[in-house]
Amino acid sequence: METYTLLRQFADSWMLLFLFLVFSGVIFWAFRPGSKAAYQETASIPFRNDDAPAPQSADSQDEG
């Protein structure tokens, strides 16, 4: 049997099954129960310092 044909049959059968299982695992991991709090915490990282504006430097005051 030719190497290409062997690898093609492997990719069409077992690798397809393996990649489907990996995809299903990733989807389950992302939508698992209890993960909402962790994702909300991560999503709020850019807004943690929104309570006060950043101090202006002396250079930016001269431009305005």
PDB file of N, CA and C in Angstrom:
ATOM      1  N   MET A   1       0.854  -1.187   0.000  1.00  0.00           N
ATOM      2  CA  MET A   1       0.000   0.000   0.000  1.00  0.00           C
ATOM      3  C   MET A   1       0.897   1.246   0.000  1.00  0.00           C
ATOM      4  N   GLU A   2       0.503   2.176  -0.751  1.00  0.00           N
ATOM      5  CA  GLU A   2       1.260   3.408  -0.889  1.00  0.00           C
ATOM      6  C   GLU A   2       1.128   4.256   0.385  1.00  0.00           C
ATOM      7  N   THR A   3       2.173   5.005   0.721  1.00  0.00           N
ATOM      8  CA  THR A   3       2.178   5.807   1.946  1.00  0.00           C
ATOM      9  C   THR A   3       1.075   6.857   1.929  1.00  0.00           C
ATOM     10  N   TYR A   4       0.892   7.518   0.786  1.00  0.00           N
ATOM     11  CA  TYR A   4      -0.141   8.547   0.693  1.00  0.00           C
ATOM     12  C   TYR A   4      -1.521   7.953   0.935  1.00  0.00           C
ATOM     13  N   THR A   5      -1.795   6.805   0.360  1.00  0.00           N
ATOM     14  CA  THR A   5      -3.098   6.166   0.523  1.00  0.00           C
ATOM     15  C   THR A   5      -3.321   5.770   1.976  1.00  0.00           C
ATOM     16  N   LEU A   6      -2.295   5.253   2.618  1.00  0.00           N
ATOM     17  CA  LEU A   6      -2.405   4.873   4.023  1.00  0.00           C
ATOM     18  C   LEU A   6      -2.685   6.082   4.904  1.00  0.00           C
ATOM     19  N   LEU A   7      -1.940   7.163   4.697  1.00  0.00           N
ATOM     20  CA  LEU A   7      -2.158   8.372   5.497  1.00  0.00           C
ATOM     21  C   LEU A   7      -3.509   8.992   5.192  1.00  0.00           C
ATOM     22  N   ARG A   8      -3.956   8.930   3.956  1.00  0.00           N
ATOM     23  CA  ARG A   8      -5.259   9.473   3.581  1.00  0.00           C
ATOM     24  C   ARG A   8      -6.379   8.715   4.280  1.00  0.00           C
ATOM     25  N   GLN A   9      -6.303   7.398   4.315  1.00  0.00           N
ATOM     26  CA  GLN A   9      -7.319   6.595   4.993  1.00  0.00           C
ATOM     27  C   GLN A   9      -7.306   6.851   6.492  1.00  0.00           C
ATOM     28  N   PHE A  10      -6.116   7.024   7.072  1.00  0.00           N
ATOM     29  CA  PHE A  10      -6.009   7.336   8.499  1.00  0.00           C
ATOM     30  C   PHE A  10      -6.645   8.689   8.806  1.00  0.00           C
ATOM     31  N   ALA A  11      -6.371   9.675   7.964  1.00  0.00           N
ATOM     32  CA  ALA A  11      -6.930  11.011   8.183  1.00  0.00           C
ATOM     33  C   ALA A  11      -8.437  11.011   8.002  1.00  0.00           C
ATOM     34  N   ASP A  12      -8.941  10.241   7.082  1.00  0.00           N
ATOM     35  CA  ASP A  12     -10.378  10.185   6.835  1.00  0.00           C
ATOM     36  C   ASP A  12     -11.138   9.453   7.935  1.00  0.00           C
ATOM     37  N   SER A  13     -10.492   8.617   8.692  1.00  0.00           N
ATOM     38  CA  SER A  13     -11.215   7.828   9.688  1.00  0.00           C
ATOM     39  C   SER A  13     -10.837   8.232  11.121  1.00  0.00           C
ATOM     40  N   TRP A  14      -9.678   7.815  11.575  1.00  0.00           N
ATOM     41  CA  TRP A  14      -9.322   7.990  12.977  1.00  0.00           C
ATOM     42  C   TRP A  14      -8.996   9.436  13.333  1.00  0.00           C
ATOM     43  N   MET A  15      -8.345  10.154  12.443  1.00  0.00           N
ATOM     44  CA  MET A  15      -8.010  11.541  12.739  1.00  0.00           C
ATOM     45  C   MET A  15      -9.275  12.396  12.775  1.00  0.00           C
ATOM     46  N   LEU A  16     -10.228  12.087  11.910  1.00  0.00           N
ATOM     47  CA  LEU A  16     -11.501  12.797  11.937  1.00  0.00           C
ATOM     48  C   LEU A  16     -12.205  12.565  13.272  1.00  0.00           C
ATOM     49  N   LEU A  17     -12.209  11.338  13.727  1.00  0.00           N
ATOM     50  CA  LEU A  17     -12.821  11.031  15.024  1.00  0.00           C
ATOM     51  C   LEU A  17     -12.077  11.730  16.162  1.00  0.00           C
ATOM     52  N   PHE A  18     -10.756  11.718  16.124  1.00  0.00           N
ATOM     53  CA  PHE A  18      -9.958  12.369  17.163  1.00  0.00           C
ATOM     54  C   PHE A  18     -10.223  13.876  17.211  1.00  0.00           C
ATOM     55  N   LEU A  19     -10.226  14.521  16.043  1.00  0.00           N
ATOM     56  CA  LEU A  19     -10.447  15.965  16.009  1.00  0.00           C
ATOM     57  C   LEU A  19     -11.869  16.325  16.433  1.00  0.00           C
ATOM     58  N   PHE A  20     -12.837  15.485  16.128  1.00  0.00           N
ATOM     59  CA  PHE A  20     -14.198  15.722  16.595  1.00  0.00           C
ATOM     60  C   PHE A  20     -14.268  15.633  18.119  1.00  0.00           C
ATOM     61  N   LEU A  21     -13.577  14.678  18.703  1.00  0.00           N
ATOM     62  CA  LEU A  21     -13.560  14.548  20.160  1.00  0.00           C
ATOM     63  C   LEU A  21     -12.848  15.734  20.813  1.00  0.00           C
ATOM     64  N   VAL A  22     -11.775  16.210  20.217  1.00  0.00           N
ATOM     65  CA  VAL A  22     -11.080  17.389  20.738  1.00  0.00           C
ATOM     66  C   VAL A  22     -11.989  18.603  20.661  1.00  0.00           C
ATOM     67  N   PHE A  23     -12.669  18.790  19.538  1.00  0.00           N
ATOM     68  CA  PHE A  23     -13.588  19.905  19.372  1.00  0.00           C
ATOM     69  C   PHE A  23     -14.711  19.831  20.400  1.00  0.00           C
ATOM     70  N   SER A  24     -15.277  18.653  20.596  1.00  0.00           N
ATOM     71  CA  SER A  24     -16.348  18.483  21.586  1.00  0.00           C
ATOM     72  C   SER A  24     -15.845  18.787  22.994  1.00  0.00           C
ATOM     73  N   GLY A  25     -14.618  18.388  23.293  1.00  0.00           N
ATOM     74  CA  GLY A  25     -14.042  18.677  24.597  1.00  0.00           C
ATOM     75  C   GLY A  25     -13.842  20.163  24.835  1.00  0.00           C
ATOM     76  N   VAL A  26     -13.391  20.874  23.821  1.00  0.00           N
ATOM     77  CA  VAL A  26     -13.199  22.325  23.948  1.00  0.00           C
ATOM     78  C   VAL A  26     -14.535  23.021  24.148  1.00  0.00           C
ATOM     79  N   ILE A  27     -15.544  22.616  23.405  1.00  0.00           N
ATOM     80  CA  ILE A  27     -16.870  23.209  23.548  1.00  0.00           C
ATOM     81  C   ILE A  27     -17.419  22.926  24.940  1.00  0.00           C
ATOM     82  N   PHE A  28     -17.268  21.705  25.421  1.00  0.00           N
ATOM     83  CA  PHE A  28     -17.734  21.381  26.771  1.00  0.00           C
ATOM     84  C   PHE A  28     -16.985  22.199  27.813  1.00  0.00           C
ATOM     85  N   TRP A  29     -15.671  22.354  27.641  1.00  0.00           N
ATOM     86  CA  TRP A  29     -14.861  23.114  28.594  1.00  0.00           C
ATOM     87  C   TRP A  29     -15.294  24.578  28.643  1.00  0.00           C
ATOM     88  N   ALA A  30     -15.603  25.148  27.489  1.00  0.00           N
ATOM     89  CA  ALA A  30     -15.992  26.559  27.449  1.00  0.00           C
ATOM     90  C   ALA A  30     -17.370  26.795  28.054  1.00  0.00           C
ATOM     91  N   PHE A  31     -18.277  25.861  27.879  1.00  0.00           N
ATOM     92  CA  PHE A  31     -19.648  26.038  28.356  1.00  0.00           C
ATOM     93  C   PHE A  31     -19.974  25.179  29.568  1.00  0.00           C
ATOM     94  N   ARG A  32     -18.963  24.736  30.295  1.00  0.00           N
ATOM     95  CA  ARG A  32     -19.214  23.882  31.447  1.00  0.00           C
ATOM     96  C   ARG A  32     -19.916  24.669  32.547  1.00  0.00           C
ATOM     97  N   PRO A  33     -20.675  23.976  33.382  1.00  0.00           N
ATOM     98  CA  PRO A  33     -21.342  24.663  34.487  1.00  0.00           C
ATOM     99  C   PRO A  33     -20.316  25.258  35.448  1.00  0.00           C
ATOM    100  N   GLY A  34     -20.561  26.462  35.889  1.00  0.00           N
ATOM    101  CA  GLY A  34     -19.671  27.108  36.842  1.00  0.00           C
ATOM    102  C   GLY A  34     -18.571  27.943  36.229  1.00  0.00           C
ATOM    103  N   SER A  35     -18.464  27.964  34.914  1.00  0.00           N
ATOM    104  CA  SER A  35     -17.384  28.729  34.294  1.00  0.00           C
ATOM    105  C   SER A  35     -17.772  30.180  34.025  1.00  0.00           C
ATOM    106  N   LYS A  36     -19.029  30.516  34.213  1.00  0.00           N
ATOM    107  CA  LYS A  36     -19.492  31.873  33.908  1.00  0.00           C
ATOM    108  C   LYS A  36     -18.778  32.913  34.776  1.00  0.00           C
ATOM    109  N   ALA A  37     -18.585  32.620  36.042  1.00  0.00           N
ATOM    110  CA  ALA A  37     -17.921  33.574  36.939  1.00  0.00           C
ATOM    111  C   ALA A  37     -16.471  33.817  36.512  1.00  0.00           C
ATOM    112  N   ALA A  38     -15.785  32.772  36.114  1.00  0.00           N
ATOM    113  CA  ALA A  38     -14.393  32.923  35.686  1.00  0.00           C
ATOM    114  C   ALA A  38     -14.299  33.758  34.423  1.00  0.00           C
ATOM    115  N   TYR A  39     -15.219  33.554  33.490  1.00  0.00           N
ATOM    116  CA  TYR A  39     -15.193  34.313  32.247  1.00  0.00           C
ATOM    117  C   TYR A  39     -15.598  35.759  32.476  1.00  0.00           C
ATOM    118  N   GLN A  40     -16.517  36.015  33.373  1.00  0.00           N
ATOM    119  CA  GLN A  40     -16.891  37.398  33.680  1.00  0.00           C
ATOM    120  C   GLN A  40     -15.736  38.135  34.344  1.00  0.00           C
ATOM    121  N   GLU A  41     -15.016  37.456  35.204  1.00  0.00           N
ATOM    122  CA  GLU A  41     -13.842  38.058  35.856  1.00  0.00           C
ATOM    123  C   GLU A  41     -12.777  38.415  34.822  1.00  0.00           C
ATOM    124  N   THR A  42     -12.527  37.515  33.905  1.00  0.00           N
ATOM    125  CA  THR A  42     -11.541  37.767  32.863  1.00  0.00           C
ATOM    126  C   THR A  42     -11.985  38.889  31.936  1.00  0.00           C
ATOM    127  N   ALA A  43     -13.263  38.938  31.624  1.00  0.00           N
ATOM    128  CA  ALA A  43     -13.770  39.965  30.712  1.00  0.00           C
ATOM    129  C   ALA A  43     -13.732  41.351  31.332  1.00  0.00           C
ATOM    130  N   SER A  44     -13.744  41.445  32.655  1.00  0.00           N
ATOM    131  CA  SER A  44     -13.768  42.754  33.305  1.00  0.00           C
ATOM    132  C   SER A  44     -12.368  43.310  33.588  1.00  0.00           C
ATOM    133  N   ILE A  45     -11.322  42.620  33.221  1.00  0.00           N
ATOM    134  CA  ILE A  45      -9.953  43.083  33.486  1.00  0.00           C
ATOM    135  C   ILE A  45      -9.678  44.469  32.902  1.00  0.00           C
ATOM    136  N   PRO A  46     -10.070  44.774  31.660  1.00  0.00           N
ATOM    137  CA  PRO A  46      -9.756  46.110  31.124  1.00  0.00           C
ATOM    138  C   PRO A  46     -10.466  47.249  31.846  1.00  0.00           C
ATOM    139  N   PHE A  47     -11.532  46.959  32.570  1.00  0.00           N
ATOM    140  CA  PHE A  47     -12.324  48.000  33.210  1.00  0.00           C
ATOM    141  C   PHE A  47     -12.065  48.129  34.710  1.00  0.00           C
ATOM    142  N   ARG A  48     -11.062  47.490  35.228  1.00  0.00           N
ATOM    143  CA  ARG A  48     -10.801  47.518  36.671  1.00  0.00           C
ATOM    144  C   ARG A  48     -10.411  48.900  37.174  1.00  0.00           C
ATOM    145  N   ASN A  49      -9.728  49.693  36.389  1.00  0.00           N
ATOM    146  CA  ASN A  49      -9.235  51.000  36.832  1.00  0.00           C
ATOM    147  C   ASN A  49     -10.072  52.143  36.280  1.00  0.00           C
ATOM    148  N   ASP A  50     -11.326  51.920  36.012  1.00  0.00           N
ATOM    149  CA  ASP A  50     -12.189  52.965  35.471  1.00  0.00           C
ATOM    150  C   ASP A  50     -12.751  53.885  36.542  1.00  0.00           C
ATOM    151  N   ASP A  51     -12.445  53.675  37.815  1.00  0.00           N
ATOM    152  CA  ASP A  51     -12.983  54.516  38.885  1.00  0.00           C
ATOM    153  C   ASP A  51     -12.449  55.938  38.801  1.00  0.00           C
ATOM    154  N   ALA A  52     -11.206  56.096  38.417  1.00  0.00           N
ATOM    155  CA  ALA A  52     -10.599  57.425  38.319  1.00  0.00           C
ATOM    156  C   ALA A  52      -9.861  57.516  36.995  1.00  0.00           C
ATOM    157  N   PRO A  53      -9.872  58.675  36.377  1.00  0.00           N
ATOM    158  CA  PRO A  53      -9.135  58.805  35.123  1.00  0.00           C
ATOM    159  C   PRO A  53      -7.628  58.753  35.369  1.00  0.00           C
ATOM    160  N   ALA A  54      -6.932  58.382  34.353  1.00  0.00           N
ATOM    161  CA  ALA A  54      -5.474  58.327  34.454  1.00  0.00           C
ATOM    162  C   ALA A  54      -4.927  59.739  34.580  1.00  0.00           C
ATOM    163  N   PRO A  55      -3.889  59.939  35.370  1.00  0.00           N
ATOM    164  CA  PRO A  55      -3.320  61.289  35.508  1.00  0.00           C
ATOM    165  C   PRO A  55      -2.695  61.738  34.197  1.00  0.00           C
ATOM    166  N   GLN A  56      -2.854  63.011  33.900  1.00  0.00           N
ATOM    167  CA  GLN A  56      -2.279  63.566  32.680  1.00  0.00           C
ATOM    168  C   GLN A  56      -0.833  63.932  32.924  1.00  0.00           C
ATOM    169  N   SER A  57      -0.029  63.666  31.953  1.00  0.00           N
ATOM    170  CA  SER A  57       1.393  64.037  32.076  1.00  0.00           C
ATOM    171  C   SER A  57       1.562  65.479  31.646  1.00  0.00           C
ATOM    172  N   ALA A  58       2.707  66.079  31.943  1.00  0.00           N
ATOM    173  CA  ALA A  58       2.976  67.479  31.601  1.00  0.00           C
ATOM    174  C   ALA A  58       3.043  67.665  30.082  1.00  0.00           C
ATOM    175  N   ASP A  59       3.493  66.648  29.365  1.00  0.00           N
ATOM    176  CA  ASP A  59       3.591  66.754  27.909  1.00  0.00           C
ATOM    177  C   ASP A  59       2.224  66.841  27.257  1.00  0.00           C
ATOM    178  N   SER A  60       1.254  66.089  27.752  1.00  0.00           N
ATOM    179  CA  SER A  60      -0.067  66.089  27.107  1.00  0.00           C
ATOM    180  C   SER A  60      -0.839  67.360  27.429  1.00  0.00           C
ATOM    181  N   GLN A  61      -0.504  68.069  28.509  1.00  0.00           N
ATOM    182  CA  GLN A  61      -1.208  69.322  28.839  1.00  0.00           C
ATOM    183  C   GLN A  61      -0.774  70.446  27.904  1.00  0.00           C
ATOM    184  N   ASP A  62       0.457  70.408  27.416  1.00  0.00           N
ATOM    185  CA  ASP A  62       0.947  71.457  26.522  1.00  0.00           C
ATOM    186  C   ASP A  62       0.339  71.361  25.138  1.00  0.00           C
ATOM    187  N   GLU A  63      -0.066  70.169  24.719  1.00  0.00           N
ATOM    188  CA  GLU A  63      -0.587  69.980  23.373  1.00  0.00           C
ATOM    189  C   GLU A  63      -2.007  70.544  23.226  1.00  0.00           C
ATOM    190  N   GLY A  64      -2.808  70.553  24.255  1.00  0.00           N
ATOM    191  CA  GLY A  64      -4.212  70.904  24.193  1.00  0.00           C
ATOM    192  C   GLY A  64      -4.453  72.334  24.069  1.00  0.00           C
TER     193      GLY A  64
END
